[in-house]
Amino acid sequence: MIYVVGERTPDGANPSTRRRLASLCDVDVDELMASVVWINLFDQPGTDADRYAAMIERAAADGDAIVVLGRRAQRAFALGKPDALTVITRHRGPIVVALPHPSGRNRWWNDPAHVVDAEALMRRVWGGHSR
């Protein structure tokens, strides 16, 4: 299973975010939306995102993947300021993937080499963890 975690990522996710993630995984948007668990860390005012992130990590089983979108969500997972495409593997538990937020506002995605690297990573994640 793949959990996709961002600031405001669930069903209301920006269409450009959904399209980019689907493209990175080499699937269509409908398959992506049906196959991952979408989680929003900052859904309600006053939400304790750090506590929520810890709950998500505990809920994810061995073999699951948690894709964390953007710096605010990455901070909640205590990832600090990871490199753009960071994979954290553990002896037990889910892998955690730090990915720059895939919205059209993030300029990191303007470099074609970044897109190629992100595609390679997300296709491995999709192949190993999708339902």
N, C-alpha and C. Protein backbone atom coordinates (compact mmCIF):
# COMPACT_ATOMS: atom_id res chain seq x y z
N MET A 1 0.84 -1.17 0.00
CA MET A 1 0.00 0.00 0.00
C MET A 1 0.89 1.24 0.00
N ILE A 2 0.41 2.27 -0.62
CA ILE A 2 1.12 3.55 -0.66
C ILE A 2 0.24 4.61 0.00
N TYR A 3 0.82 5.32 0.95
CA TYR A 3 0.18 6.46 1.58
C TYR A 3 0.81 7.70 0.96
N VAL A 4 0.00 8.63 0.48
CA VAL A 4 0.50 9.90 -0.04
C VAL A 4 0.08 10.97 0.95
N VAL A 5 1.08 11.64 1.53
CA VAL A 5 0.83 12.59 2.61
C VAL A 5 1.31 13.97 2.20
N GLY A 6 0.44 14.94 2.34
CA GLY A 6 0.82 16.32 2.05
C GLY A 6 0.06 17.26 2.96
N GLU A 7 0.14 18.51 2.62
CA GLU A 7 -0.58 19.51 3.41
C GLU A 7 -2.08 19.39 3.19
N ARG A 8 -2.46 19.36 1.94
CA ARG A 8 -3.87 19.28 1.57
C ARG A 8 -3.97 18.38 0.35
N THR A 9 -3.80 17.08 0.58
CA THR A 9 -3.64 16.12 -0.50
C THR A 9 -4.85 15.25 -0.80
N PRO A 10 -5.82 15.06 0.09
CA PRO A 10 -6.85 14.05 -0.16
C PRO A 10 -7.65 14.30 -1.43
N ASP A 11 -8.82 13.70 -1.51
CA ASP A 11 -9.62 13.70 -2.74
C ASP A 11 -9.68 15.06 -3.41
N GLY A 12 -9.58 16.11 -2.66
CA GLY A 12 -9.61 17.44 -3.22
C GLY A 12 -8.27 17.90 -3.76
N ALA A 13 -7.31 16.98 -3.86
CA ALA A 13 -5.97 17.35 -4.32
C ALA A 13 -6.06 18.11 -5.64
N ASN A 14 -5.19 19.07 -5.76
CA ASN A 14 -5.10 19.87 -6.97
C ASN A 14 -4.99 18.93 -8.18
N PRO A 15 -5.77 19.16 -9.23
CA PRO A 15 -5.70 18.28 -10.40
C PRO A 15 -4.30 18.18 -11.00
N SER A 16 -3.52 19.26 -10.97
CA SER A 16 -2.17 19.17 -11.52
C SER A 16 -1.29 18.27 -10.65
N THR A 17 -1.53 18.25 -9.35
CA THR A 17 -0.80 17.35 -8.46
C THR A 17 -1.14 15.90 -8.78
N ARG A 18 -2.42 15.62 -8.94
CA ARG A 18 -2.85 14.26 -9.28
C ARG A 18 -2.25 13.82 -10.61
N ARG A 19 -2.31 14.70 -11.60
CA ARG A 19 -1.76 14.34 -12.93
C ARG A 19 -0.27 14.07 -12.86
N ARG A 20 0.46 14.92 -12.14
CA ARG A 20 1.91 14.74 -12.07
C ARG A 20 2.26 13.42 -11.37
N LEU A 21 1.61 13.15 -10.23
CA LEU A 21 1.89 11.90 -9.52
C LEU A 21 1.55 10.68 -10.38
N ALA A 22 0.42 10.74 -11.07
CA ALA A 22 0.04 9.62 -11.95
C ALA A 22 1.09 9.44 -13.05
N SER A 23 1.52 10.52 -13.64
CA SER A 23 2.54 10.45 -14.69
C SER A 23 3.85 9.89 -14.15
N LEU A 24 4.25 10.32 -12.96
CA LEU A 24 5.48 9.81 -12.37
C LEU A 24 5.41 8.31 -12.14
N CYS A 25 4.22 7.82 -11.78
CA CYS A 25 4.04 6.38 -11.52
C CYS A 25 3.72 5.60 -12.78
N ASP A 26 3.50 6.30 -13.89
CA ASP A 26 3.14 5.70 -15.18
C ASP A 26 1.80 4.97 -15.11
N VAL A 27 0.82 5.62 -14.48
CA VAL A 27 -0.54 5.11 -14.41
C VAL A 27 -1.48 6.27 -14.74
N ASP A 28 -2.76 5.95 -14.98
CA ASP A 28 -3.68 7.05 -15.19
C ASP A 28 -4.19 7.57 -13.85
N VAL A 29 -4.78 8.74 -13.88
CA VAL A 29 -5.20 9.42 -12.65
C VAL A 29 -6.21 8.58 -11.89
N ASP A 30 -7.16 7.95 -12.59
CA ASP A 30 -8.17 7.15 -11.90
C ASP A 30 -7.54 5.99 -11.14
N GLU A 31 -6.56 5.32 -11.75
CA GLU A 31 -5.89 4.22 -11.07
C GLU A 31 -5.12 4.72 -9.86
N LEU A 32 -4.44 5.85 -10.01
CA LEU A 32 -3.72 6.43 -8.88
C LEU A 32 -4.67 6.74 -7.74
N MET A 33 -5.76 7.43 -8.04
CA MET A 33 -6.70 7.85 -7.01
C MET A 33 -7.33 6.65 -6.30
N ALA A 34 -7.53 5.55 -7.01
CA ALA A 34 -8.15 4.38 -6.42
C ALA A 34 -7.17 3.50 -5.67
N SER A 35 -5.89 3.71 -5.88
CA SER A 35 -4.90 2.75 -5.38
C SER A 35 -4.04 3.25 -4.23
N VAL A 36 -4.17 4.51 -3.84
CA VAL A 36 -3.36 5.02 -2.74
C VAL A 36 -4.27 5.58 -1.65
N VAL A 37 -3.71 5.68 -0.47
CA VAL A 37 -4.42 6.32 0.64
C VAL A 37 -3.93 7.76 0.70
N TRP A 38 -4.85 8.70 0.54
CA TRP A 38 -4.51 10.12 0.53
C TRP A 38 -4.72 10.69 1.92
N ILE A 39 -3.72 11.37 2.46
CA ILE A 39 -3.80 11.89 3.81
C ILE A 39 -3.39 13.36 3.82
N ASN A 40 -4.15 14.15 4.53
CA ASN A 40 -3.90 15.57 4.66
C ASN A 40 -3.47 15.85 6.10
N LEU A 41 -2.24 16.34 6.28
CA LEU A 41 -1.74 16.61 7.64
C LEU A 41 -2.32 17.87 8.26
N PHE A 42 -2.75 18.80 7.44
CA PHE A 42 -3.17 20.10 7.96
C PHE A 42 -4.63 20.36 7.61
N ASP A 43 -5.47 19.36 7.87
CA ASP A 43 -6.87 19.42 7.48
C ASP A 43 -7.67 20.40 8.32
N GLN A 44 -7.45 20.37 9.61
CA GLN A 44 -8.23 21.20 10.52
C GLN A 44 -7.32 22.20 11.23
N PRO A 45 -7.80 23.40 11.49
CA PRO A 45 -6.99 24.34 12.28
C PRO A 45 -6.64 23.71 13.63
N GLY A 46 -5.41 23.88 14.04
CA GLY A 46 -4.97 23.34 15.32
C GLY A 46 -4.55 21.88 15.28
N THR A 47 -4.56 21.26 14.09
CA THR A 47 -4.14 19.87 13.98
C THR A 47 -2.68 19.74 14.39
N ASP A 48 -2.38 18.73 15.18
CA ASP A 48 -1.00 18.45 15.57
C ASP A 48 -0.40 17.54 14.50
N ALA A 49 0.20 18.15 13.49
CA ALA A 49 0.71 17.40 12.34
C ALA A 49 1.79 16.41 12.75
N ASP A 50 2.62 16.75 13.73
CA ASP A 50 3.68 15.84 14.16
C ASP A 50 3.08 14.56 14.75
N ARG A 51 2.08 14.72 15.59
CA ARG A 51 1.43 13.55 16.19
C ARG A 51 0.72 12.73 15.11
N TYR A 52 0.08 13.40 14.19
CA TYR A 52 -0.63 12.72 13.10
C TYR A 52 0.37 11.94 12.24
N ALA A 53 1.52 12.52 11.94
CA ALA A 53 2.55 11.84 11.16
C ALA A 53 3.02 10.58 11.87
N ALA A 54 3.22 10.65 13.17
CA ALA A 54 3.64 9.47 13.94
C ALA A 54 2.57 8.38 13.87
N MET A 55 1.30 8.76 13.94
CA MET A 55 0.22 7.78 13.83
C MET A 55 0.22 7.11 12.46
N ILE A 56 0.48 7.87 11.42
CA ILE A 56 0.52 7.32 10.07
C ILE A 56 1.64 6.30 9.95
N GLU A 57 2.82 6.66 10.48
CA GLU A 57 3.95 5.72 10.42
C GLU A 57 3.65 4.45 11.18
N ARG A 58 3.00 4.55 12.32
CA ARG A 58 2.66 3.34 13.09
C ARG A 58 1.61 2.51 12.36
N ALA A 59 0.69 3.15 11.66
CA ALA A 59 -0.37 2.43 10.96
C ALA A 59 0.15 1.71 9.72
N ALA A 60 1.16 2.27 9.09
CA ALA A 60 1.69 1.65 7.87
C ALA A 60 2.45 0.39 8.25
N ALA A 61 2.17 -0.67 7.55
CA ALA A 61 2.80 -1.96 7.85
C ALA A 61 4.14 -2.09 7.12
N ASP A 62 4.90 -3.11 7.54
CA ASP A 62 6.11 -3.45 6.79
C ASP A 62 5.71 -3.63 5.33
N GLY A 63 6.51 -3.14 4.46
CA GLY A 63 6.24 -3.29 3.03
C GLY A 63 5.41 -2.17 2.44
N ASP A 64 4.85 -1.31 3.27
CA ASP A 64 4.11 -0.15 2.76
C ASP A 64 5.10 0.97 2.45
N ALA A 65 4.63 1.96 1.73
CA ALA A 65 5.42 3.15 1.44
C ALA A 65 4.63 4.38 1.82
N ILE A 66 5.33 5.36 2.36
CA ILE A 66 4.72 6.65 2.68
C ILE A 66 5.45 7.69 1.83
N VAL A 67 4.73 8.33 0.92
CA VAL A 67 5.30 9.37 0.07
C VAL A 67 4.89 10.70 0.68
N VAL A 68 5.88 11.47 1.10
CA VAL A 68 5.63 12.71 1.82
C VAL A 68 5.91 13.88 0.87
N LEU A 69 4.88 14.67 0.59
CA LEU A 69 4.95 15.75 -0.39
C LEU A 69 5.20 17.10 0.27
N GLY A 70 6.31 17.71 -0.05
CA GLY A 70 6.57 19.07 0.38
C GLY A 70 7.22 19.20 1.74
N ARG A 71 7.82 20.36 1.97
CA ARG A 71 8.63 20.60 3.16
C ARG A 71 7.85 20.60 4.47
N ARG A 72 6.66 21.19 4.48
CA ARG A 72 5.91 21.22 5.75
C ARG A 72 5.55 19.82 6.20
N ALA A 73 5.11 18.99 5.28
CA ALA A 73 4.79 17.61 5.64
C ALA A 73 6.06 16.84 6.02
N GLN A 74 7.15 17.11 5.33
CA GLN A 74 8.41 16.43 5.65
C GLN A 74 8.90 16.80 7.05
N ARG A 75 8.70 18.05 7.45
CA ARG A 75 9.06 18.46 8.81
C ARG A 75 8.23 17.69 9.84
N ALA A 76 6.95 17.48 9.54
CA ALA A 76 6.09 16.74 10.47
C ALA A 76 6.57 15.31 10.65
N PHE A 77 7.20 14.75 9.63
CA PHE A 77 7.75 13.40 9.72
C PHE A 77 9.19 13.41 10.25
N ALA A 78 9.62 14.56 10.76
CA ALA A 78 10.96 14.72 11.31
C ALA A 78 12.03 14.41 10.29
N LEU A 79 11.76 14.76 9.03
CA LEU A 79 12.74 14.54 7.97
C LEU A 79 13.64 15.75 7.79
N GLY A 80 13.34 16.83 8.50
CA GLY A 80 14.16 18.04 8.35
C GLY A 80 14.02 18.61 6.95
N LYS A 81 15.15 18.88 6.33
CA LYS A 81 15.18 19.36 4.94
C LYS A 81 15.92 18.33 4.10
N PRO A 82 15.22 17.26 3.73
CA PRO A 82 15.89 16.20 2.98
C PRO A 82 16.21 16.67 1.56
N ASP A 83 17.13 15.95 0.93
CA ASP A 83 17.35 16.19 -0.49
C ASP A 83 16.03 15.95 -1.20
N ALA A 84 15.92 16.46 -2.42
CA ALA A 84 14.65 16.44 -3.13
C ALA A 84 14.04 15.04 -3.24
N LEU A 85 14.83 14.04 -3.52
CA LEU A 85 14.31 12.67 -3.66
C LEU A 85 15.03 11.79 -2.65
N THR A 86 14.50 11.73 -1.46
CA THR A 86 15.13 10.96 -0.39
C THR A 86 14.27 9.76 -0.08
N VAL A 87 14.92 8.61 0.06
CA VAL A 87 14.23 7.39 0.46
C VAL A 87 14.85 6.94 1.78
N ILE A 88 13.99 6.76 2.76
CA ILE A 88 14.44 6.30 4.07
C ILE A 88 13.91 4.89 4.25
N THR A 89 14.81 3.94 4.34
CA THR A 89 14.41 2.55 4.56
C THR A 89 14.82 2.16 5.96
N ARG A 90 14.05 1.27 6.52
CA ARG A 90 14.32 0.79 7.87
C ARG A 90 14.33 -0.72 7.85
N HIS A 91 14.90 -1.29 8.89
CA HIS A 91 14.89 -2.75 9.01
C HIS A 91 13.45 -3.25 9.08
N ARG A 92 12.60 -2.51 9.80
CA ARG A 92 11.18 -2.83 9.90
C ARG A 92 10.38 -1.58 9.66
N GLY A 93 9.17 -1.76 9.19
CA GLY A 93 8.29 -0.62 8.97
C GLY A 93 8.30 -0.16 7.52
N PRO A 94 7.52 0.87 7.24
CA PRO A 94 7.39 1.34 5.87
C PRO A 94 8.63 2.09 5.41
N ILE A 95 8.79 2.17 4.09
CA ILE A 95 9.79 3.10 3.58
C ILE A 95 9.13 4.47 3.51
N VAL A 96 9.92 5.50 3.66
CA VAL A 96 9.42 6.87 3.59
C VAL A 96 10.15 7.56 2.45
N VAL A 97 9.39 8.14 1.53
CA VAL A 97 9.94 8.83 0.37
C VAL A 97 9.62 10.30 0.49
N ALA A 98 10.64 11.14 0.48
CA ALA A 98 10.45 12.60 0.48
C ALA A 98 10.47 13.06 -0.97
N LEU A 99 9.41 13.71 -1.38
CA LEU A 99 9.27 14.16 -2.76
C LEU A 99 8.90 15.64 -2.75
N PRO A 100 9.54 16.46 -3.59
CA PRO A 100 9.10 17.86 -3.67
C PRO A 100 7.61 17.91 -4.02
N HIS A 101 6.91 18.87 -3.49
CA HIS A 101 5.48 18.93 -3.77
C HIS A 101 5.27 19.02 -5.28
N PRO A 102 4.42 18.14 -5.82
CA PRO A 102 4.28 18.07 -7.28
C PRO A 102 3.32 19.08 -7.89
N SER A 103 2.98 20.12 -7.17
CA SER A 103 2.09 21.13 -7.74
C SER A 103 2.82 21.92 -8.83
N GLY A 104 2.07 22.58 -9.63
CA GLY A 104 2.66 23.39 -10.70
C GLY A 104 3.40 24.61 -10.19
N ARG A 105 3.31 24.89 -8.90
CA ARG A 105 3.97 26.08 -8.34
C ARG A 105 5.41 25.81 -7.92
N ASN A 106 5.80 24.55 -7.85
CA ASN A 106 7.13 24.20 -7.39
C ASN A 106 8.09 24.18 -8.59
N ARG A 107 9.06 25.07 -8.60
CA ARG A 107 9.97 25.22 -9.73
C ARG A 107 10.98 24.08 -9.86
N TRP A 108 11.14 23.28 -8.82
CA TRP A 108 12.05 22.15 -8.88
C TRP A 108 11.72 21.27 -10.09
N TRP A 109 10.44 21.18 -10.39
CA TRP A 109 9.97 20.32 -11.48
C TRP A 109 10.28 20.89 -12.87
N ASN A 110 10.79 22.10 -12.97
CA ASN A 110 11.10 22.69 -14.27
C ASN A 110 12.34 22.07 -14.91
N ASP A 111 13.17 21.39 -14.12
CA ASP A 111 14.39 20.77 -14.65
C ASP A 111 14.04 19.36 -15.14
N PRO A 112 14.17 19.08 -16.44
CA PRO A 112 13.82 17.75 -16.97
C PRO A 112 14.57 16.61 -16.30
N ALA A 113 15.80 16.83 -15.86
CA ALA A 113 16.55 15.77 -15.19
C ALA A 113 15.90 15.41 -13.85
N HIS A 114 15.34 16.40 -13.16
CA HIS A 114 14.64 16.12 -11.91
C HIS A 114 13.43 15.23 -12.17
N VAL A 115 12.70 15.52 -13.24
CA VAL A 115 11.51 14.73 -13.58
C VAL A 115 11.90 13.29 -13.88
N VAL A 116 12.97 13.08 -14.65
CA VAL A 116 13.43 11.74 -14.98
C VAL A 116 13.78 10.96 -13.70
N ASP A 117 14.50 11.61 -12.78
CA ASP A 117 14.87 10.96 -11.52
C ASP A 117 13.64 10.64 -10.68
N ALA A 118 12.69 11.55 -10.63
CA ALA A 118 11.47 11.33 -9.86
C ALA A 118 10.63 10.21 -10.47
N GLU A 119 10.58 10.14 -11.79
CA GLU A 119 9.86 9.05 -12.45
C GLU A 119 10.46 7.70 -12.08
N ALA A 120 11.78 7.61 -12.14
CA ALA A 120 12.44 6.34 -11.82
C ALA A 120 12.12 5.93 -10.39
N LEU A 121 12.19 6.86 -9.47
CA LEU A 121 11.90 6.56 -8.07
C LEU A 121 10.45 6.15 -7.88
N MET A 122 9.51 6.93 -8.38
CA MET A 122 8.10 6.67 -8.14
C MET A 122 7.63 5.40 -8.86
N ARG A 123 8.23 5.06 -9.98
CA ARG A 123 7.86 3.80 -10.65
C ARG A 123 8.34 2.60 -9.84
N ARG A 124 9.49 2.73 -9.17
CA ARG A 124 9.94 1.66 -8.27
C ARG A 124 9.00 1.56 -7.08
N VAL A 125 8.63 2.70 -6.52
CA VAL A 125 7.70 2.69 -5.38
C VAL A 125 6.36 2.08 -5.80
N TRP A 126 5.84 2.52 -6.94
CA TRP A 126 4.55 2.01 -7.41
C TRP A 126 4.62 0.50 -7.65
N GLY A 127 5.67 0.05 -8.30
CA GLY A 127 5.81 -1.37 -8.60
C GLY A 127 5.94 -2.23 -7.36
N GLY A 128 6.54 -1.70 -6.32
CA GLY A 128 6.78 -2.49 -5.13
C GLY A 128 5.73 -2.36 -4.04
N HIS A 129 4.86 -1.34 -4.14
CA HIS A 129 3.97 -1.09 -3.00
C HIS A 129 2.51 -0.85 -3.35
N SER A 130 2.16 -0.71 -4.62
CA SER A 130 0.76 -0.42 -4.95
C SER A 130 -0.10 -1.64 -4.69
N ARG A 131 -1.40 -1.41 -4.53
CA ARG A 131 -2.33 -2.51 -4.25
C ARG A 131 -2.45 -3.44 -5.42
